[in-house]
């Protein structure tokens, strides 16, 4: 692969990693470290407030998945694992975003779906990034 592509891909992955770190930081600033404040953050939002959060996240997370999976497909030897990883990453992204709408005063236990799916999205994205980096060598 041409070195310029490798440089561009590495810079993208560094910027994506920085985006993940700032996203976690901003979430913790808004919702604090306690489960109660994290739950209250979503319970207190109106439908319009949830849409204002969900819409840009759906777009940006979809773009991230699109670019990562295209980087993974640069090699012509795609494994079934990578195809399943892509589908899982997309499904987890949808669950992470739409689970916010299900959290109410009566269903505060659903915050665990939001937390686990967000954590899984980050882990699977990091796994995809590491697979892309392994392909660059």
N, C-alpha and C. Protein backbone atom coordinates (compact mmCIF):
# COMPACT_ATOMS: atom_id res chain seq x y z
N UNK A 1 0.85 -1.17 0.00
CA UNK A 1 0.00 0.00 0.00
C UNK A 1 0.90 1.24 0.00
N UNK A 2 0.46 2.24 -0.66
CA UNK A 2 1.23 3.48 -0.77
C UNK A 2 1.36 4.11 0.62
N UNK A 3 2.54 4.66 0.89
CA UNK A 3 2.81 5.25 2.21
C UNK A 3 1.87 6.40 2.56
N UNK A 4 1.44 7.17 1.56
CA UNK A 4 0.54 8.29 1.84
C UNK A 4 -0.80 7.79 2.39
N UNK A 5 -1.28 6.66 1.88
CA UNK A 5 -2.50 6.08 2.42
C UNK A 5 -2.30 5.66 3.87
N UNK A 6 -1.17 5.05 4.14
CA UNK A 6 -0.88 4.62 5.51
C UNK A 6 -0.84 5.80 6.46
N UNK A 7 -0.21 6.87 6.04
CA UNK A 7 -0.14 8.08 6.89
C UNK A 7 -1.54 8.63 7.14
N UNK A 8 -2.34 8.74 6.09
CA UNK A 8 -3.70 9.26 6.24
C UNK A 8 -4.56 8.41 7.14
N UNK A 9 -4.44 7.10 6.99
CA UNK A 9 -5.22 6.18 7.83
C UNK A 9 -4.78 6.29 9.28
N UNK A 10 -3.48 6.37 9.52
CA UNK A 10 -3.00 6.49 10.90
C UNK A 10 -3.47 7.80 11.54
N UNK A 11 -3.43 8.89 10.79
CA UNK A 11 -3.93 10.16 11.34
C UNK A 11 -5.42 10.09 11.64
N UNK A 12 -6.17 9.44 10.77
CA UNK A 12 -7.61 9.28 11.03
C UNK A 12 -7.83 8.48 12.31
N UNK A 13 -7.08 7.40 12.50
CA UNK A 13 -7.25 6.58 13.69
C UNK A 13 -6.86 7.34 14.95
N UNK A 14 -5.83 8.17 14.87
CA UNK A 14 -5.44 9.00 16.02
C UNK A 14 -6.55 10.00 16.34
N UNK A 15 -7.10 10.64 15.31
CA UNK A 15 -8.19 11.60 15.53
C UNK A 15 -9.43 10.90 16.09
N UNK A 16 -9.71 9.69 15.63
CA UNK A 16 -10.84 8.93 16.13
C UNK A 16 -10.64 8.56 17.60
N UNK A 17 -9.44 8.18 17.96
CA UNK A 17 -9.14 7.88 19.35
C UNK A 17 -9.31 9.12 20.22
N UNK A 18 -8.88 10.27 19.73
CA UNK A 18 -9.06 11.52 20.47
C UNK A 18 -10.54 11.88 20.58
N UNK A 19 -11.32 11.58 19.55
CA UNK A 19 -12.76 11.81 19.59
C UNK A 19 -13.43 10.95 20.65
N UNK A 20 -13.01 9.68 20.75
CA UNK A 20 -13.55 8.79 21.78
C UNK A 20 -13.23 9.30 23.18
N UNK A 21 -12.00 9.75 23.39
CA UNK A 21 -11.58 10.24 24.70
C UNK A 21 -12.38 11.48 25.08
N UNK A 22 -12.53 12.42 24.16
CA UNK A 22 -13.30 13.63 24.48
C UNK A 22 -14.78 13.32 24.65
N UNK A 23 -15.30 12.34 23.91
CA UNK A 23 -16.70 11.94 24.08
C UNK A 23 -16.97 11.37 25.45
N UNK A 24 -16.07 10.52 25.92
CA UNK A 24 -16.20 9.96 27.27
C UNK A 24 -16.07 11.07 28.30
N UNK A 25 -15.13 11.96 28.08
CA UNK A 25 -14.91 13.07 29.01
C UNK A 25 -16.17 13.94 29.10
N UNK A 26 -16.75 14.31 27.96
CA UNK A 26 -17.95 15.14 27.97
C UNK A 26 -19.13 14.42 28.61
N UNK A 27 -19.26 13.13 28.36
CA UNK A 27 -20.34 12.37 28.99
C UNK A 27 -20.20 12.37 30.50
N UNK A 28 -18.98 12.18 30.98
CA UNK A 28 -18.76 12.18 32.42
C UNK A 28 -18.94 13.57 33.03
N UNK A 29 -18.66 14.62 32.26
CA UNK A 29 -18.91 15.98 32.75
C UNK A 29 -20.41 16.24 32.88
N UNK A 30 -21.18 15.74 31.92
CA UNK A 30 -22.63 15.95 31.96
C UNK A 30 -23.31 15.04 32.97
N UNK A 31 -22.85 13.80 33.06
CA UNK A 31 -23.58 12.81 33.85
C UNK A 31 -22.86 12.41 35.13
N UNK A 32 -21.67 12.88 35.36
CA UNK A 32 -20.89 12.56 36.56
C UNK A 32 -20.53 11.08 36.59
N UNK A 33 -20.03 10.63 37.73
CA UNK A 33 -19.58 9.25 37.84
C UNK A 33 -20.58 8.33 38.51
N UNK A 34 -21.65 8.87 39.05
CA UNK A 34 -22.61 8.02 39.76
C UNK A 34 -23.70 7.53 38.81
N UNK A 35 -24.21 6.37 39.09
CA UNK A 35 -25.26 5.78 38.28
C UNK A 35 -26.54 6.61 38.35
N UNK A 36 -26.80 7.18 39.51
CA UNK A 36 -28.01 8.00 39.68
C UNK A 36 -27.96 9.25 38.81
N UNK A 37 -26.84 9.95 38.80
CA UNK A 37 -26.74 11.15 37.97
C UNK A 37 -26.75 10.80 36.49
N UNK A 38 -26.17 9.66 36.14
CA UNK A 38 -26.20 9.20 34.75
C UNK A 38 -27.63 8.91 34.32
N UNK A 39 -28.41 8.27 35.20
CA UNK A 39 -29.81 7.98 34.91
C UNK A 39 -30.62 9.27 34.82
N UNK A 40 -30.40 10.18 35.78
CA UNK A 40 -31.14 11.45 35.78
C UNK A 40 -30.86 12.28 34.53
N UNK A 41 -29.66 12.17 34.00
CA UNK A 41 -29.31 12.91 32.78
C UNK A 41 -30.26 12.55 31.64
N UNK A 42 -30.59 11.27 31.52
CA UNK A 42 -31.48 10.84 30.44
C UNK A 42 -32.95 10.95 30.80
N UNK A 43 -33.30 10.75 32.07
CA UNK A 43 -34.70 10.84 32.49
C UNK A 43 -35.21 12.27 32.35
N UNK A 44 -34.38 13.24 32.66
CA UNK A 44 -34.81 14.65 32.64
C UNK A 44 -34.92 15.23 31.24
N UNK A 45 -34.38 14.56 30.23
CA UNK A 45 -34.44 15.10 28.87
C UNK A 45 -35.82 14.84 28.25
N UNK A 46 -36.28 15.82 27.48
CA UNK A 46 -37.53 15.64 26.74
C UNK A 46 -37.24 14.85 25.47
N UNK A 47 -38.29 14.51 24.75
CA UNK A 47 -38.12 13.80 23.48
C UNK A 47 -37.30 14.67 22.52
N UNK A 48 -37.57 15.96 22.50
CA UNK A 48 -36.80 16.86 21.64
C UNK A 48 -35.34 16.89 22.06
N UNK A 49 -35.08 16.93 23.36
CA UNK A 49 -33.71 16.91 23.85
C UNK A 49 -32.98 15.62 23.48
N UNK A 50 -33.69 14.49 23.57
CA UNK A 50 -33.09 13.21 23.17
C UNK A 50 -32.83 13.18 21.67
N UNK A 51 -33.74 13.74 20.89
CA UNK A 51 -33.52 13.80 19.44
C UNK A 51 -32.34 14.69 19.09
N UNK A 52 -32.17 15.79 19.83
CA UNK A 52 -31.04 16.67 19.59
C UNK A 52 -29.70 15.99 19.88
N UNK A 53 -29.71 15.04 20.80
CA UNK A 53 -28.50 14.28 21.11
C UNK A 53 -28.33 13.11 20.14
N UNK A 54 -29.41 12.41 19.86
CA UNK A 54 -29.34 11.18 19.07
C UNK A 54 -29.03 11.44 17.60
N UNK A 55 -29.62 12.46 17.02
CA UNK A 55 -29.45 12.69 15.58
C UNK A 55 -27.99 12.88 15.18
N UNK A 56 -27.24 13.78 15.80
CA UNK A 56 -25.83 13.91 15.37
C UNK A 56 -25.00 12.67 15.72
N UNK A 57 -25.38 11.98 16.81
CA UNK A 57 -24.63 10.77 17.17
C UNK A 57 -24.85 9.66 16.15
N UNK A 58 -26.09 9.51 15.68
CA UNK A 58 -26.35 8.51 14.65
C UNK A 58 -25.53 8.79 13.39
N UNK A 59 -25.49 10.05 13.01
CA UNK A 59 -24.75 10.43 11.81
C UNK A 59 -23.25 10.19 12.00
N UNK A 60 -22.69 10.72 13.08
CA UNK A 60 -21.24 10.61 13.27
C UNK A 60 -20.79 9.18 13.54
N UNK A 61 -21.55 8.44 14.33
CA UNK A 61 -21.18 7.05 14.60
C UNK A 61 -21.33 6.20 13.34
N UNK A 62 -22.32 6.50 12.52
CA UNK A 62 -22.47 5.80 11.25
C UNK A 62 -21.30 6.07 10.32
N UNK A 63 -20.85 7.31 10.28
CA UNK A 63 -19.68 7.67 9.45
C UNK A 63 -18.44 6.94 9.95
N UNK A 64 -18.26 6.87 11.27
CA UNK A 64 -17.11 6.16 11.84
C UNK A 64 -17.14 4.69 11.44
N UNK A 65 -18.29 4.06 11.55
CA UNK A 65 -18.42 2.66 11.17
C UNK A 65 -18.16 2.49 9.68
N UNK A 66 -18.69 3.38 8.89
CA UNK A 66 -18.50 3.33 7.44
C UNK A 66 -17.02 3.40 7.08
N UNK A 67 -16.31 4.34 7.66
CA UNK A 67 -14.89 4.51 7.34
C UNK A 67 -14.07 3.34 7.87
N UNK A 68 -14.32 2.93 9.12
CA UNK A 68 -13.56 1.82 9.69
C UNK A 68 -13.75 0.53 8.88
N UNK A 69 -14.98 0.26 8.50
CA UNK A 69 -15.20 -0.98 7.74
C UNK A 69 -14.61 -0.90 6.35
N UNK A 70 -14.54 0.28 5.78
CA UNK A 70 -13.88 0.41 4.48
C UNK A 70 -12.37 0.25 4.62
N UNK A 71 -11.81 0.74 5.70
CA UNK A 71 -10.39 0.49 5.95
C UNK A 71 -10.12 -1.00 6.14
N UNK A 72 -11.04 -1.68 6.81
CA UNK A 72 -10.88 -3.12 6.99
C UNK A 72 -10.96 -3.88 5.68
N UNK A 73 -11.72 -3.35 4.74
CA UNK A 73 -11.92 -4.07 3.48
C UNK A 73 -10.84 -3.74 2.45
N UNK A 74 -9.81 -2.97 2.83
CA UNK A 74 -8.73 -2.67 1.88
C UNK A 74 -8.00 -3.94 1.45
N UNK A 75 -7.94 -4.90 2.33
CA UNK A 75 -7.34 -6.18 2.00
C UNK A 75 -8.42 -7.05 1.36
N UNK A 76 -8.08 -7.75 0.31
CA UNK A 76 -9.09 -8.54 -0.38
C UNK A 76 -9.47 -9.81 0.36
N UNK A 77 -8.75 -10.14 1.42
CA UNK A 77 -9.01 -11.36 2.18
C UNK A 77 -9.82 -11.02 3.44
N UNK A 78 -11.06 -10.69 3.25
CA UNK A 78 -11.92 -10.38 4.40
C UNK A 78 -12.39 -11.68 5.05
N UNK A 79 -12.24 -11.73 6.35
CA UNK A 79 -12.66 -12.92 7.08
C UNK A 79 -14.13 -12.78 7.49
N UNK A 80 -14.79 -13.90 7.77
CA UNK A 80 -16.17 -13.82 8.27
C UNK A 80 -16.24 -13.07 9.60
N UNK A 81 -15.16 -13.11 10.37
CA UNK A 81 -15.12 -12.38 11.64
C UNK A 81 -15.30 -10.88 11.41
N UNK A 82 -14.65 -10.34 10.38
CA UNK A 82 -14.75 -8.91 10.10
C UNK A 82 -16.16 -8.52 9.65
N UNK A 83 -16.79 -9.40 8.91
CA UNK A 83 -18.18 -9.13 8.50
C UNK A 83 -19.11 -9.12 9.71
N UNK A 84 -18.91 -10.07 10.61
CA UNK A 84 -19.72 -10.12 11.83
C UNK A 84 -19.41 -8.94 12.73
N UNK A 85 -18.14 -8.53 12.77
CA UNK A 85 -17.75 -7.36 13.56
C UNK A 85 -18.45 -6.11 13.06
N UNK A 86 -18.51 -5.95 11.76
CA UNK A 86 -19.18 -4.79 11.17
C UNK A 86 -20.66 -4.76 11.51
N UNK A 87 -21.33 -5.89 11.36
CA UNK A 87 -22.76 -5.97 11.67
C UNK A 87 -23.01 -5.75 13.16
N UNK A 88 -22.16 -6.33 14.00
CA UNK A 88 -22.30 -6.15 15.45
C UNK A 88 -22.07 -4.70 15.84
N UNK A 89 -21.06 -4.08 15.26
CA UNK A 89 -20.76 -2.68 15.55
C UNK A 89 -21.94 -1.78 15.19
N UNK A 90 -22.54 -2.03 14.03
CA UNK A 90 -23.70 -1.24 13.60
C UNK A 90 -24.90 -1.47 14.52
N UNK A 91 -25.14 -2.73 14.89
CA UNK A 91 -26.27 -3.04 15.78
C UNK A 91 -26.09 -2.42 17.15
N UNK A 92 -24.88 -2.50 17.69
CA UNK A 92 -24.60 -1.91 19.00
C UNK A 92 -24.77 -0.39 18.95
N UNK A 93 -24.39 0.22 17.83
CA UNK A 93 -24.55 1.67 17.68
C UNK A 93 -26.03 2.04 17.74
N UNK A 94 -26.87 1.28 17.07
CA UNK A 94 -28.31 1.57 17.10
C UNK A 94 -28.88 1.38 18.50
N UNK A 95 -28.48 0.29 19.16
CA UNK A 95 -28.97 0.04 20.52
C UNK A 95 -28.52 1.15 21.46
N UNK A 96 -27.27 1.56 21.33
CA UNK A 96 -26.74 2.61 22.20
C UNK A 96 -27.51 3.92 22.04
N UNK A 97 -27.85 4.26 20.82
CA UNK A 97 -28.54 5.52 20.58
C UNK A 97 -30.02 5.46 20.93
N UNK A 98 -30.69 4.40 20.56
CA UNK A 98 -32.14 4.35 20.76
C UNK A 98 -32.55 3.89 22.16
N UNK A 99 -31.61 3.35 22.92
CA UNK A 99 -31.95 2.96 24.30
C UNK A 99 -32.21 4.18 25.17
N UNK A 100 -31.71 5.33 24.78
CA UNK A 100 -31.95 6.56 25.54
C UNK A 100 -33.44 6.89 25.62
N UNK A 101 -34.18 6.55 24.57
CA UNK A 101 -35.60 6.87 24.52
C UNK A 101 -36.42 5.98 25.45
N UNK A 102 -35.86 4.86 25.87
CA UNK A 102 -36.59 3.92 26.72
C UNK A 102 -36.42 4.17 28.21
N UNK A 103 -35.47 5.04 28.55
CA UNK A 103 -35.18 5.30 29.96
C UNK A 103 -36.18 6.31 30.51
N UNK A 104 -36.99 5.87 31.48
CA UNK A 104 -37.96 6.74 32.14
C UNK A 104 -37.80 6.57 33.64
N UNK A 105 -38.65 7.25 34.41
CA UNK A 105 -38.62 7.12 35.86
C UNK A 105 -38.93 5.68 36.29
N UNK A 106 -39.79 5.01 35.53
CA UNK A 106 -40.19 3.65 35.89
C UNK A 106 -39.21 2.60 35.38
N UNK A 107 -38.45 2.93 34.35
CA UNK A 107 -37.55 1.94 33.74
C UNK A 107 -36.09 2.39 33.84
N UNK A 108 -35.70 2.79 35.02
CA UNK A 108 -34.32 3.27 35.18
C UNK A 108 -33.30 2.15 35.04
N UNK A 109 -33.73 0.91 35.17
CA UNK A 109 -32.80 -0.21 35.00
C UNK A 109 -32.29 -0.29 33.55
N UNK A 110 -33.00 0.33 32.62
CA UNK A 110 -32.58 0.31 31.22
C UNK A 110 -31.33 1.14 30.97
N UNK A 111 -30.92 1.91 31.98
CA UNK A 111 -29.67 2.66 31.83
C UNK A 111 -28.50 1.70 31.62
N UNK A 112 -28.64 0.48 32.14
CA UNK A 112 -27.58 -0.52 31.96
C UNK A 112 -27.42 -0.90 30.50
N UNK A 113 -28.51 -0.93 29.76
CA UNK A 113 -28.41 -1.20 28.32
C UNK A 113 -27.63 -0.09 27.64
N UNK A 114 -27.90 1.15 28.02
CA UNK A 114 -27.20 2.29 27.45
C UNK A 114 -25.71 2.22 27.79
N UNK A 115 -25.38 1.97 29.05
CA UNK A 115 -23.98 1.93 29.48
C UNK A 115 -23.23 0.78 28.81
N UNK A 116 -23.82 -0.40 28.82
CA UNK A 116 -23.15 -1.57 28.26
C UNK A 116 -22.99 -1.43 26.75
N UNK A 117 -24.03 -0.95 26.06
CA UNK A 117 -23.93 -0.81 24.60
C UNK A 117 -22.92 0.27 24.21
N UNK A 118 -22.85 1.34 24.97
CA UNK A 118 -21.86 2.38 24.68
C UNK A 118 -20.45 1.85 24.90
N UNK A 119 -20.26 1.12 25.99
CA UNK A 119 -18.95 0.53 26.29
C UNK A 119 -18.57 -0.49 25.21
N UNK A 120 -19.54 -1.31 24.79
CA UNK A 120 -19.26 -2.29 23.73
C UNK A 120 -18.93 -1.61 22.40
N UNK A 121 -19.62 -0.50 22.11
CA UNK A 121 -19.32 0.24 20.88
C UNK A 121 -17.88 0.73 20.90
N UNK A 122 -17.46 1.27 22.03
CA UNK A 122 -16.08 1.75 22.14
C UNK A 122 -15.09 0.60 22.00
N UNK A 123 -15.35 -0.51 22.67
CA UNK A 123 -14.45 -1.66 22.59
C UNK A 123 -14.36 -2.23 21.18
N UNK A 124 -15.51 -2.39 20.53
CA UNK A 124 -15.50 -2.93 19.17
C UNK A 124 -14.87 -1.97 18.18
N UNK A 125 -15.04 -0.68 18.41
CA UNK A 125 -14.38 0.30 17.56
C UNK A 125 -12.87 0.24 17.73
N UNK A 126 -12.43 0.10 18.97
CA UNK A 126 -10.99 -0.04 19.22
C UNK A 126 -10.45 -1.33 18.61
N UNK A 127 -11.23 -2.40 18.66
CA UNK A 127 -10.82 -3.65 18.02
C UNK A 127 -10.70 -3.46 16.51
N UNK A 128 -11.67 -2.78 15.92
CA UNK A 128 -11.61 -2.50 14.48
C UNK A 128 -10.40 -1.65 14.13
N UNK A 129 -10.13 -0.65 14.98
CA UNK A 129 -8.97 0.20 14.74
C UNK A 129 -7.68 -0.61 14.81
N UNK A 130 -7.59 -1.53 15.77
CA UNK A 130 -6.38 -2.33 15.88
C UNK A 130 -6.25 -3.27 14.69
N UNK A 131 -7.36 -3.80 14.18
CA UNK A 131 -7.29 -4.64 12.97
C UNK A 131 -6.83 -3.85 11.77
N UNK A 132 -7.29 -2.61 11.67
CA UNK A 132 -6.85 -1.73 10.57
C UNK A 132 -5.35 -1.48 10.70
N UNK A 133 -4.88 -1.20 11.90
CA UNK A 133 -3.45 -0.95 12.09
C UNK A 133 -2.63 -2.18 11.76
N UNK A 134 -3.13 -3.37 12.09
CA UNK A 134 -2.41 -4.60 11.75
C UNK A 134 -2.34 -4.81 10.24
N UNK A 135 -3.36 -4.36 9.55
CA UNK A 135 -3.37 -4.49 8.09
C UNK A 135 -2.37 -3.55 7.43
N UNK A 136 -2.03 -2.45 8.09
CA UNK A 136 -1.14 -1.47 7.49
C UNK A 136 0.31 -1.95 7.45
N UNK A 137 0.63 -2.92 8.27
CA UNK A 137 2.03 -3.38 8.32
C UNK A 137 2.42 -4.20 7.14
